[in-house]
Amino acid sequence: MLIIPRRRVAQTLWTPAQLSPALWLDGADAATVVTSGTAVTQWSDKSGNARHYVQNTNANRPTYESAVQNNLNAVRIVNTTTTTQFVENTSFSFSGTQISLFSVHRNNSNPTPGLPNTYGRVFSFAASAQNDYDNTNGLILVYGVSSGVSLYRNNATIASTSAINDQWLLVSAERNGTAGRISLNGGTFTTGATSSASQGITRSRIGNDFVAADSGMLGWVGEQVVVFGALSDADWERLQGYAAHRWGLTANLLAGHPYKTTPPYV
């Protein structure tokens, strides 16, 4: 009897594109980062929605650095007492109550003396002419509030975790109606509450607030994903597993994480 061997079916790695994201910024993809020298002038959105982040002022431009983590490139933000580095999208629009945020980054806790690192914004969302922190429209994923990494809105912490500085980190956070939650490195979500009002976001920054002088991130941002809506736990795990394997952060994942040893596939 002739035995025909089975053909091995090629597997396709899962990526954030499977979530139909509203925003996907990928520092490892050099084709999406436009620079003048090493200064970032535009960080292009890979979601297909053209929500590109730009910086037109030379002094305020972050830098693009090679082989920062797991031999991948990343965007470095270093705020000083005289310059404020950030990228922004001034037409970012969201008016719902469900939004999911994911970031791969490293925040520095002990910068060079004299450099501010207060309330560094991993994500900063606001309405025109408003702060990001003291109204129902704003939403921030921020260091330094409640002594950790926090999801914050309308002058209140929604949910917070302990701070993990000076190392690369996976942060998952969402606002889902009147609830919010946040997780570090694919661990258990910490949950909290917020008001039920819909948001009126019209702009977004990475690095600091649009108005406040006390905000400034010091560190690197590798990859960020925004989804308009709430993710299932399974999708959160896929996103965490994808990023951990890509950025060399599988050691950060708990032993019981489903993608601790193998990345997710489609």
Protein backbone atom coordinates (compact mmCIF):
# COMPACT_ATOMS: atom_id res chain seq x y z
CA MET A 1 0.00 0.00 0.00
CA LEU A 2 1.30 3.43 -0.97
CA ILE A 3 1.54 5.76 1.98
CA ILE A 4 1.41 9.44 1.12
CA PRO A 5 3.03 11.58 3.79
CA ARG A 6 1.03 14.42 5.18
CA ARG A 7 2.04 17.89 4.15
CA ARG A 8 2.97 20.18 6.98
CA VAL A 9 0.68 23.20 6.97
CA ALA A 10 2.57 26.45 7.35
CA GLN A 11 1.44 28.46 10.35
CA THR A 12 0.99 32.21 10.32
CA LEU A 13 1.99 34.19 13.35
CA TRP A 14 -0.77 36.22 14.99
CA THR A 15 -0.32 40.02 14.88
CA PRO A 16 -2.37 42.98 16.16
CA ALA A 17 -3.90 43.25 12.68
CA GLN A 18 -6.22 40.41 13.77
CA LEU A 19 -7.91 42.85 16.17
CA SER A 20 -8.75 45.46 13.47
CA PRO A 21 -7.05 48.09 15.66
CA ALA A 22 -7.85 51.78 15.60
CA LEU A 23 -4.11 52.47 15.98
CA TRP A 24 -0.95 50.40 15.69
CA LEU A 25 2.44 52.04 16.16
CA ASP A 26 5.44 49.77 15.65
CA GLY A 27 8.88 51.13 16.41
CA ALA A 28 10.52 47.94 15.18
CA ASP A 29 9.23 48.66 11.66
CA ALA A 30 11.69 51.28 10.42
CA ALA A 31 9.54 51.91 7.36
CA THR A 32 6.91 53.49 9.61
CA VAL A 33 9.23 55.94 11.41
CA VAL A 34 10.16 59.07 9.47
CA THR A 35 13.24 60.86 10.76
CA SER A 36 15.40 63.90 10.20
CA GLY A 37 18.76 62.51 11.21
CA THR A 38 17.75 60.51 14.28
CA ALA A 39 14.90 62.88 15.25
CA VAL A 40 11.38 61.52 14.73
CA THR A 41 9.17 63.70 12.53
CA GLN A 42 6.40 61.13 12.04
CA TRP A 43 5.48 57.76 13.50
CA SER A 44 3.08 56.21 11.00
CA ASP A 45 0.04 54.17 11.95
CA LYS A 46 0.08 50.55 10.69
CA SER A 47 -3.64 49.98 11.32
CA GLY A 48 -4.64 51.38 7.92
CA ASN A 49 -6.55 54.23 9.58
CA ALA A 50 -3.82 56.84 8.93
CA ARG A 51 -3.73 58.02 12.56
CA HIS A 52 -0.12 59.10 12.23
CA TYR A 53 1.71 60.80 15.09
CA VAL A 54 3.93 63.76 14.18
CA GLN A 55 6.29 66.34 15.68
CA ASN A 56 6.99 69.47 13.67
CA THR A 57 9.17 71.29 16.21
CA ASN A 58 12.76 70.12 16.05
CA ALA A 59 13.50 70.67 19.75
CA ASN A 60 10.49 68.55 20.74
CA ARG A 61 11.26 65.55 18.57
CA PRO A 62 12.00 62.17 20.17
CA THR A 63 14.88 60.15 18.76
CA TYR A 64 14.84 56.87 16.89
CA GLU A 65 17.35 54.36 18.19
CA SER A 66 18.56 51.08 16.73
CA ALA A 67 18.67 47.65 18.41
CA VAL A 68 17.31 48.90 21.73
CA GLN A 69 15.49 45.75 22.87
CA ASN A 70 15.80 42.24 21.41
CA ASN A 71 17.71 43.84 18.54
CA LEU A 72 14.63 45.88 17.63
CA ASN A 73 14.44 49.65 17.15
CA ALA A 74 12.42 51.93 19.43
CA VAL A 75 11.45 55.58 19.90
CA ARG A 76 13.19 57.33 22.80
CA ILE A 77 11.52 60.19 24.68
CA VAL A 78 13.73 62.29 26.97
CA ASN A 79 12.11 65.39 28.45
CA THR A 80 14.31 68.07 29.97
CA THR A 81 13.62 71.23 31.93
CA THR A 82 13.68 73.24 28.70
CA THR A 83 12.37 70.88 26.01
CA THR A 84 9.35 68.61 25.92
CA GLN A 85 9.61 65.62 23.62
CA PHE A 86 6.47 63.96 22.30
CA VAL A 87 4.59 62.88 19.20
CA GLU A 88 0.94 63.70 18.71
CA ASN A 89 -2.14 63.28 16.58
CA THR A 90 -4.36 66.36 16.78
CA SER A 91 -7.32 64.78 14.99
CA PHE A 92 -7.63 61.55 16.98
CA SER A 93 -11.37 61.00 17.41
CA PHE A 94 -13.20 58.75 19.88
CA SER A 95 -16.61 59.30 21.46
CA GLY A 96 -17.46 55.93 23.02
CA THR A 97 -17.13 54.30 26.45
CA GLN A 98 -15.06 51.23 25.53
CA ILE A 99 -11.39 51.55 24.59
CA SER A 100 -8.44 49.17 24.98
CA LEU A 101 -4.80 50.28 25.24
CA PHE A 102 -1.63 48.22 24.95
CA SER A 103 1.98 49.36 25.19
CA VAL A 104 5.48 47.88 25.08
CA HIS A 105 7.86 50.39 26.68
CA ARG A 106 10.52 51.12 29.28
CA ASN A 107 10.18 53.94 31.79
CA ASN A 108 13.25 55.27 33.63
CA SER A 109 12.91 55.99 37.34
CA ASN A 110 16.34 57.56 37.93
CA PRO A 111 17.09 59.96 35.09
CA THR A 112 19.99 62.35 34.92
CA PRO A 113 19.67 64.92 37.77
CA GLY A 114 17.59 67.87 36.69
CA LEU A 115 15.44 66.00 34.19
CA PRO A 116 11.74 65.74 35.03
CA ASN A 117 10.09 62.32 35.01
CA THR A 118 6.82 63.26 36.69
CA TYR A 119 3.58 61.71 35.46
CA GLY A 120 5.01 60.35 32.21
CA ARG A 121 2.25 59.67 29.71
CA VAL A 122 2.38 56.36 27.84
CA PHE A 123 -0.96 57.42 26.32
CA SER A 124 -2.56 60.85 26.66
CA PHE A 125 -6.05 61.47 25.27
CA ALA A 126 -7.95 64.75 25.58
CA ALA A 127 -10.49 67.06 24.01
CA SER A 128 -9.46 70.36 22.45
CA ALA A 129 -8.16 72.95 24.96
CA GLN A 130 -8.49 70.53 27.90
CA ASN A 131 -6.07 68.71 30.16
CA ASP A 132 -6.08 64.96 29.81
CA TYR A 133 -6.62 64.22 33.51
CA ASP A 134 -9.37 66.39 35.02
CA ASN A 135 -12.47 65.85 32.87
CA THR A 136 -14.64 63.06 31.49
CA ASN A 137 -13.24 63.43 27.97
CA GLY A 138 -9.64 62.74 28.92
CA LEU A 139 -7.97 59.41 29.56
CA ILE A 140 -4.34 58.66 30.39
CA LEU A 141 -2.10 55.67 30.92
CA VAL A 142 0.41 57.27 33.22
CA TYR A 143 3.37 56.70 35.55
CA GLY A 144 3.60 58.29 38.98
CA VAL A 145 -0.09 58.47 39.93
CA SER A 146 -1.08 56.20 42.84
CA SER A 147 2.59 55.17 43.01
CA GLY A 148 2.43 52.97 39.94
CA VAL A 149 1.22 52.63 36.38
CA SER A 150 -2.36 53.87 36.31
CA LEU A 151 -5.37 54.31 34.09
CA TYR A 152 -6.66 57.76 35.10
CA ARG A 153 -9.66 59.89 34.15
CA ASN A 154 -11.67 62.82 35.52
CA ASN A 155 -9.33 63.49 38.47
CA ALA A 156 -9.49 59.90 39.67
CA THR A 157 -7.51 56.70 39.29
CA ILE A 158 -9.62 54.05 37.59
CA ALA A 159 -7.17 51.19 38.16
CA SER A 160 -3.51 51.04 39.15
CA THR A 161 -0.63 48.60 39.51
CA SER A 162 2.71 48.70 41.24
CA ALA A 163 5.42 50.59 39.39
CA ILE A 164 7.98 48.63 37.41
CA ASN A 165 10.70 50.98 36.23
CA ASP A 166 14.02 50.61 34.43
CA GLN A 167 12.94 47.52 32.52
CA TRP A 168 10.83 46.73 29.48
CA LEU A 169 7.20 46.18 30.27
CA LEU A 170 3.94 45.02 28.71
CA VAL A 171 0.94 47.08 29.84
CA SER A 172 -2.67 46.16 29.04
CA ALA A 173 -5.46 48.55 30.04
CA GLU A 174 -9.07 49.22 29.14
CA ARG A 175 -12.03 51.36 29.96
CA ASN A 176 -15.27 49.43 29.50
CA GLY A 177 -18.27 51.58 30.38
CA THR A 178 -18.18 52.23 34.13
CA ALA A 179 -15.30 49.82 34.74
CA GLY A 180 -11.60 49.91 34.05
CA ARG A 181 -8.75 47.50 34.45
CA ILE A 182 -4.99 47.28 34.01
CA SER A 183 -2.42 44.48 33.87
CA LEU A 184 1.37 44.29 33.80
CA ASN A 185 3.18 41.59 31.82
CA GLY A 186 0.05 39.55 31.23
CA GLY A 187 -0.68 39.16 34.93
CA THR A 188 -4.03 39.40 36.69
CA PHE A 189 -6.00 42.54 35.87
CA THR A 190 -6.57 45.09 38.62
CA THR A 191 -10.06 46.55 38.28
CA GLY A 192 -11.73 49.80 39.25
CA ALA A 193 -14.63 52.09 38.46
CA THR A 194 -15.23 55.31 36.55
CA SER A 195 -18.18 57.50 35.51
CA SER A 196 -20.50 56.36 32.74
CA ALA A 197 -20.14 59.47 30.55
CA SER A 198 -19.00 58.97 26.97
CA GLN A 199 -15.64 60.41 26.06
CA GLY A 200 -15.04 63.19 23.56
CA ILE A 201 -11.42 62.59 22.59
CA THR A 202 -10.14 64.74 19.72
CA ARG A 203 -6.36 64.49 20.14
CA SER A 204 -3.68 62.20 21.48
CA ARG A 205 -0.07 62.38 22.62
CA ILE A 206 2.69 60.02 23.63
CA GLY A 207 5.08 61.54 26.16
CA ASN A 208 3.10 64.17 28.07
CA ASP A 209 -0.13 66.13 28.46
CA PHE A 210 -1.16 68.93 26.09
CA VAL A 211 -1.39 71.51 28.87
CA ALA A 212 0.27 70.40 32.12
CA ALA A 213 3.90 71.31 32.78
CA ASP A 214 4.41 68.49 35.31
CA SER A 215 4.30 65.64 32.82
CA GLY A 216 7.17 64.09 30.93
CA MET A 217 8.13 60.56 30.05
CA LEU A 218 11.74 59.39 30.11
CA GLY A 219 12.35 56.14 28.31
CA TRP A 220 11.59 54.14 25.19
CA VAL A 221 8.37 53.18 23.43
CA GLY A 222 8.50 50.09 21.24
CA GLU A 223 4.96 49.30 20.19
CA GLN A 224 1.44 50.55 20.93
CA VAL A 225 -2.01 49.30 20.00
CA VAL A 226 -5.42 50.94 20.51
CA VAL A 227 -8.73 49.16 19.92
CA PHE A 228 -12.08 50.95 20.01
CA GLY A 229 -13.95 48.44 22.14
CA ALA A 230 -13.28 45.88 24.86
CA LEU A 231 -11.08 42.85 24.19
CA SER A 232 -11.82 39.33 25.35
CA ASP A 233 -9.37 37.75 27.78
CA ALA A 234 -8.27 35.44 24.96
CA ASP A 235 -7.44 38.41 22.72
CA TRP A 236 -5.55 40.13 25.52
CA GLU A 237 -3.50 36.95 25.98
CA ARG A 238 -2.76 36.76 22.25
CA LEU A 239 -1.64 40.40 22.19
CA GLN A 240 0.56 39.92 25.25
CA GLY A 241 2.05 36.70 23.86
CA TYR A 242 2.72 38.24 20.46
CA ALA A 243 4.54 41.21 22.00
CA ALA A 244 6.46 39.16 24.57
CA HIS A 245 7.95 36.88 21.92
CA ARG A 246 8.64 39.69 19.47
CA TRP A 247 10.35 41.97 21.98
CA GLY A 248 12.19 39.25 23.90
CA LEU A 249 10.06 39.61 27.03
CA THR A 250 8.75 36.07 27.54
CA ALA A 251 10.54 35.94 30.91
CA ASN A 252 8.12 38.67 32.07
CA LEU A 253 5.06 36.47 31.48
CA LEU A 254 3.74 34.37 34.34
CA ALA A 255 4.40 30.64 34.19
CA GLY A 256 0.73 29.93 33.49
CA HIS A 257 0.35 32.32 30.56
CA PRO A 258 -0.85 30.37 27.48
CA TYR A 259 1.86 31.92 25.29
CA LYS A 260 4.76 31.71 27.71
CA THR A 261 6.72 29.32 25.50
CA THR A 262 5.04 29.59 22.09
CA PRO A 263 3.72 32.70 20.32
CA PRO A 264 0.10 32.82 19.12
CA TYR A 265 -0.75 31.73 15.59
CA VAL A 266 -3.74 32.56 13.41
